[in-house]
């Protein structure tokens, strides 16, 4: 008779079903940390949206992202006010320069309001330049043709402009006289150098009658016909070139000189 060999009972198979949810949790956690890292620069609204999305996946919104503090965000719009703490990547010098530009634009707004109120446009104009805020005053506002004497009523305008130049601390103010290319040819002004210089000095003298302005911050120069802004081939172009310019300097420019 043959004996039936009893088969050895196989060892009980280990249940590995727990590995599936464990792997899912690890995947979710990995994705969570990746998104947290990537969202470190987003604003609070986007961060909260991500948090809600993950909490809904992790058992109905009761996960680790509840009650998180909002992420600070910066307003980078051109009209945003500068904060006391400089944004990352900008040096203190750059922050000061940006604030200085804001102050100059406030100057410009105030002067533009005066020009509109007095109806002086386009005879008075302002422009932000690389050197600072430039005020351009056409010849007919201050002087008669070929003369450095202030016109009747122009001293009132000069006095009003002087009030607009007051700042704390005071800024450097450069007064520049310009002419067209027609020679003055008079005994008083043999060349346009004398005429342009005399106009700048006379206008500056009226400005400095204002005791709130610091004379140490002022200078006057004559540029004759050699810095035209239009062609001297036409009467209209020559009229544009006969002008006095007032340059309000940025504070940063003063430290460089």
Protein backbone atom coordinates (compact mmCIF):
# COMPACT_ATOMS: atom_id res chain seq x y z
CA UNK A 1 0.00 0.00 0.00
CA UNK A 2 1.16 3.38 -0.82
CA UNK A 3 1.23 5.94 1.90
CA UNK A 4 -0.04 9.25 0.97
CA UNK A 5 2.57 11.85 1.72
CA UNK A 6 1.15 14.62 3.74
CA UNK A 7 1.87 17.89 2.11
CA UNK A 8 3.54 20.46 4.32
CA UNK A 9 1.28 23.24 5.16
CA UNK A 10 2.43 26.43 3.49
CA UNK A 11 3.37 29.25 5.78
CA UNK A 12 0.65 31.82 6.12
CA UNK A 13 1.04 34.58 3.47
CA UNK A 14 1.75 38.01 4.97
CA UNK A 15 -0.98 40.51 4.14
CA UNK A 16 0.65 43.44 2.25
CA UNK A 17 -2.53 45.39 1.60
CA UNK A 18 -1.35 48.14 4.00
CA UNK A 19 1.40 49.11 1.56
CA UNK A 20 -1.05 50.69 -0.88
CA UNK A 21 -2.48 53.41 1.41
CA UNK A 22 1.01 53.92 2.86
CA UNK A 23 2.38 54.58 -0.62
CA UNK A 24 -0.51 56.94 -1.33
CA UNK A 25 0.25 58.90 1.83
CA UNK A 26 3.93 59.16 0.93
CA UNK A 27 3.00 60.40 -2.54
CA UNK A 28 0.66 63.01 -1.09
CA UNK A 29 3.26 64.19 1.38
CA UNK A 30 5.89 64.48 -1.36
CA UNK A 31 3.50 66.49 -3.50
CA UNK A 32 2.62 68.60 -0.48
CA UNK A 33 6.23 69.58 0.24
CA UNK A 34 6.90 70.30 -3.44
CA UNK A 35 3.90 72.62 -3.63
CA UNK A 36 4.80 74.28 -0.31
CA UNK A 37 8.28 74.97 -1.62
CA UNK A 38 7.01 76.26 -4.96
CA UNK A 39 4.37 78.43 -3.31
CA UNK A 40 6.74 80.14 -0.90
CA UNK A 41 6.63 83.30 -3.09
CA UNK A 42 2.89 83.42 -3.78
CA UNK A 43 0.46 85.66 -1.97
CA UNK A 44 -1.76 84.64 0.93
CA UNK A 45 -4.85 84.10 -1.23
CA UNK A 46 -3.13 81.56 -3.47
CA UNK A 47 -1.56 79.82 -0.48
CA UNK A 48 -4.94 79.39 1.22
CA UNK A 49 -6.40 77.98 -1.99
CA UNK A 50 -3.63 75.35 -2.12
CA UNK A 51 -4.15 74.56 1.55
CA UNK A 52 -7.86 73.98 1.09
CA UNK A 53 -7.21 71.71 -1.88
CA UNK A 54 -4.82 69.48 0.05
CA UNK A 55 -6.94 69.44 3.19
CA UNK A 56 -9.89 68.19 1.17
CA UNK A 57 -7.71 65.30 -0.01
CA UNK A 58 -6.46 64.56 3.49
CA UNK A 59 -9.66 63.40 5.15
CA UNK A 60 -12.12 66.16 4.61
CA UNK A 61 -10.08 69.27 5.24
CA UNK A 62 -8.67 68.46 8.70
CA UNK A 63 -5.06 68.14 7.61
CA UNK A 64 -1.87 69.84 8.63
CA UNK A 65 -2.53 72.98 6.60
CA UNK A 66 -5.37 74.25 8.81
CA UNK A 67 -4.80 77.51 10.70
CA UNK A 68 -1.66 78.43 8.77
CA UNK A 69 -0.41 82.01 9.10
CA UNK A 70 -0.85 84.04 5.93
CA UNK A 71 2.13 84.43 3.63
CA UNK A 72 3.37 88.02 3.35
CA UNK A 73 3.14 89.48 -0.13
CA UNK A 74 4.56 92.64 -1.69
CA UNK A 75 2.74 95.09 -3.93
CA UNK A 76 5.03 95.59 -6.92
CA UNK A 77 2.81 98.05 -8.81
CA UNK A 78 4.49 101.31 -9.92
CA UNK A 79 2.21 103.37 -7.64
CA UNK A 80 2.81 101.25 -4.54
CA UNK A 81 4.26 103.07 -1.54
CA UNK A 82 7.76 101.99 -0.65
CA UNK A 83 7.96 100.10 2.65
CA UNK A 84 10.55 100.82 5.32
CA UNK A 85 12.12 97.40 4.79
CA UNK A 86 13.74 97.13 1.34
CA UNK A 87 12.45 94.36 -0.96
CA UNK A 88 14.87 91.54 -1.53
CA UNK A 89 17.45 92.19 -4.23
CA UNK A 90 17.51 95.98 -3.82
CA UNK A 91 20.32 97.81 -2.06
CA UNK A 92 19.67 100.62 0.44
CA UNK A 93 21.03 103.08 -2.15
CA UNK A 94 18.47 101.89 -4.70
CA UNK A 95 15.66 102.25 -2.15
CA UNK A 96 16.73 105.81 -1.32
CA UNK A 97 16.98 106.68 -5.02
CA UNK A 98 13.45 105.36 -5.61
CA UNK A 99 12.08 107.40 -2.69
CA UNK A 100 13.91 110.45 -4.03
CA UNK A 101 12.24 109.98 -7.41
CA UNK A 102 8.87 109.83 -5.67
CA UNK A 103 9.59 113.14 -3.95
CA UNK A 104 10.61 114.73 -7.25
CA UNK A 105 7.37 113.54 -8.84
CA UNK A 106 5.46 115.18 -5.99
CA UNK A 107 7.36 118.36 -6.86
CA UNK A 108 6.32 117.93 -10.48
CA UNK A 109 2.66 117.41 -9.56
CA UNK A 110 2.67 120.57 -7.44
CA UNK A 111 4.29 122.66 -10.18
CA UNK A 112 1.96 121.26 -12.86
CA UNK A 113 -1.00 122.27 -10.70
CA UNK A 114 0.37 125.81 -10.51
CA UNK A 115 0.88 125.92 -14.29
CA UNK A 116 -2.70 124.79 -14.88
CA UNK A 117 -4.09 127.25 -12.33
CA UNK A 118 -2.29 130.22 -13.92
CA UNK A 119 -2.89 129.09 -17.51
CA UNK A 120 0.86 129.13 -18.25
CA UNK A 121 1.01 125.99 -20.41
CA UNK A 122 2.83 125.56 -22.80
CA UNK A 123 5.02 128.54 -21.86
CA UNK A 124 5.97 126.70 -18.66
CA UNK A 125 6.65 122.97 -18.87
CA UNK A 126 8.04 120.26 -16.59
CA UNK A 127 9.90 117.08 -17.47
CA UNK A 128 11.58 114.31 -15.46
CA UNK A 129 15.08 113.81 -16.86
CA UNK A 130 18.14 111.76 -15.95
CA UNK A 131 19.52 114.86 -14.21
CA UNK A 132 16.37 115.58 -12.19
CA UNK A 133 13.15 117.56 -12.55
CA UNK A 134 13.44 120.21 -15.27
CA UNK A 135 11.21 123.31 -15.44
CA UNK A 136 11.39 125.06 -18.81
CA UNK A 137 10.34 128.73 -19.00
CA UNK A 138 9.98 130.21 -22.49
CA UNK A 139 11.53 133.59 -23.29
CA UNK A 140 8.25 135.48 -23.56
CA UNK A 141 7.32 134.68 -19.95
CA UNK A 142 10.34 136.39 -18.36
CA UNK A 143 12.23 138.53 -20.89
CA UNK A 144 11.76 140.65 -23.96
CA UNK A 145 13.70 139.56 -27.05
CA UNK A 146 17.39 140.43 -26.77
CA UNK A 147 17.05 141.68 -23.18
CA UNK A 148 17.95 140.34 -19.73
CA UNK A 149 15.54 142.68 -17.91
CA UNK A 150 12.53 140.97 -16.38
CA UNK A 151 9.25 141.80 -18.11
CA UNK A 152 6.48 143.61 -16.28
CA UNK A 153 4.60 141.07 -14.18
CA UNK A 154 7.21 138.35 -14.62
CA UNK A 155 8.65 138.98 -11.16
CA UNK A 156 5.34 137.81 -9.70
CA UNK A 157 5.70 134.53 -11.57
CA UNK A 158 9.32 134.22 -10.40
CA UNK A 159 8.25 134.80 -6.78
CA UNK A 160 5.53 132.16 -7.05
CA UNK A 161 7.97 129.68 -8.58
CA UNK A 162 10.39 130.37 -5.71
CA UNK A 163 7.75 129.15 -3.25
CA UNK A 164 7.41 125.94 -5.24
CA UNK A 165 11.16 125.28 -4.94
CA UNK A 166 11.18 125.13 -1.12
CA UNK A 167 12.13 121.68 0.19
CA UNK A 168 13.39 120.17 3.43
CA UNK A 169 16.25 119.48 3.23
CA UNK A 170 16.95 121.96 0.42
CA UNK A 171 17.89 120.60 -2.97
CA UNK A 172 20.50 121.82 -5.44
CA UNK A 173 18.89 124.17 -7.98
CA UNK A 174 20.61 124.92 -11.30
CA UNK A 175 19.42 127.91 -13.35
CA UNK A 176 20.40 127.67 -17.04
CA UNK A 177 20.02 130.36 -19.70
CA UNK A 178 19.73 129.48 -23.42
CA UNK A 179 19.41 131.52 -26.63
CA UNK A 180 18.90 130.92 -30.34
CA UNK A 181 21.75 131.27 -32.84
CA UNK A 182 21.10 134.90 -33.79
CA UNK A 183 23.94 136.99 -32.28
CA UNK A 184 22.90 139.56 -29.71
CA UNK A 185 25.48 141.97 -31.13
CA UNK A 186 24.87 144.79 -28.64
CA UNK A 187 27.26 146.75 -26.47
CA UNK A 188 25.77 145.17 -23.36
CA UNK A 189 25.72 141.65 -24.86
CA UNK A 190 28.43 141.26 -27.52
CA UNK A 191 27.60 137.54 -27.81
CA UNK A 192 24.87 135.19 -26.70
CA UNK A 193 27.13 133.97 -23.89
CA UNK A 194 26.65 137.24 -22.03
CA UNK A 195 22.91 137.34 -22.78
CA UNK A 196 22.19 133.76 -21.65
CA UNK A 197 24.29 134.18 -18.50
CA UNK A 198 22.69 137.50 -17.56
CA UNK A 199 19.20 136.04 -17.92
CA UNK A 200 20.06 133.09 -15.68
CA UNK A 201 21.59 135.33 -13.01
CA UNK A 202 18.75 137.86 -13.05
CA UNK A 203 16.12 135.15 -12.73
CA UNK A 204 18.05 133.48 -9.89
CA UNK A 205 18.38 136.82 -8.09
CA UNK A 206 14.57 137.19 -8.02
CA UNK A 207 14.16 133.62 -6.76
CA UNK A 208 16.60 134.21 -3.89
CA UNK A 209 14.57 137.12 -2.59
CA UNK A 210 12.66 134.30 -0.92
CA UNK A 211 14.33 133.91 2.50
CA UNK A 212 13.26 130.25 2.71
CA UNK A 213 15.63 129.31 -0.12
CA UNK A 214 19.30 128.61 0.59
CA UNK A 215 21.63 130.57 -1.76
CA UNK A 216 24.33 127.94 -1.22
CA UNK A 217 22.14 125.47 -3.11
CA UNK A 218 21.82 127.68 -6.22
CA UNK A 219 23.99 128.22 -9.28
CA UNK A 220 23.46 130.02 -12.60
CA UNK A 221 24.98 129.22 -16.00
CA UNK A 222 24.71 130.54 -19.55
CA UNK A 223 24.81 128.06 -22.43
CA UNK A 224 24.39 130.54 -25.28
CA UNK A 225 23.07 128.85 -28.44
CA UNK A 226 24.87 125.54 -27.97
CA UNK A 227 22.15 123.44 -26.30
CA UNK A 228 19.21 123.82 -28.68
CA UNK A 229 16.03 121.79 -28.26
CA UNK A 230 14.75 122.62 -31.76
CA UNK A 231 16.09 123.68 -35.13
CA UNK A 232 17.28 127.26 -35.44
CA UNK A 233 16.25 127.27 -39.10
CA UNK A 234 12.70 128.42 -38.36
CA UNK A 235 11.23 131.20 -36.20
CA UNK A 236 9.29 128.60 -34.24
CA UNK A 237 12.43 126.59 -33.54
CA UNK A 238 14.38 129.66 -32.45
CA UNK A 239 11.55 130.60 -30.08
CA UNK A 240 11.79 127.15 -28.48
CA UNK A 241 15.53 127.59 -27.97
CA UNK A 242 15.20 130.95 -26.18
CA UNK A 243 14.45 129.72 -22.70
CA UNK A 244 15.45 129.53 -19.03
CA UNK A 245 15.61 126.10 -17.42
CA UNK A 246 15.40 125.33 -13.71
CA UNK A 247 16.86 121.94 -12.78
CA UNK A 248 15.86 120.48 -9.40
CA UNK A 249 18.52 117.92 -8.59
CA UNK A 250 17.99 114.54 -6.89
CA UNK A 251 19.68 114.20 -3.50
CA UNK A 252 21.72 111.25 -4.81
CA UNK A 253 23.30 113.48 -7.47
CA UNK A 254 24.51 115.87 -4.80
CA UNK A 255 26.41 113.12 -2.98
CA UNK A 256 28.15 112.07 -6.20
CA UNK A 257 29.55 115.55 -6.87
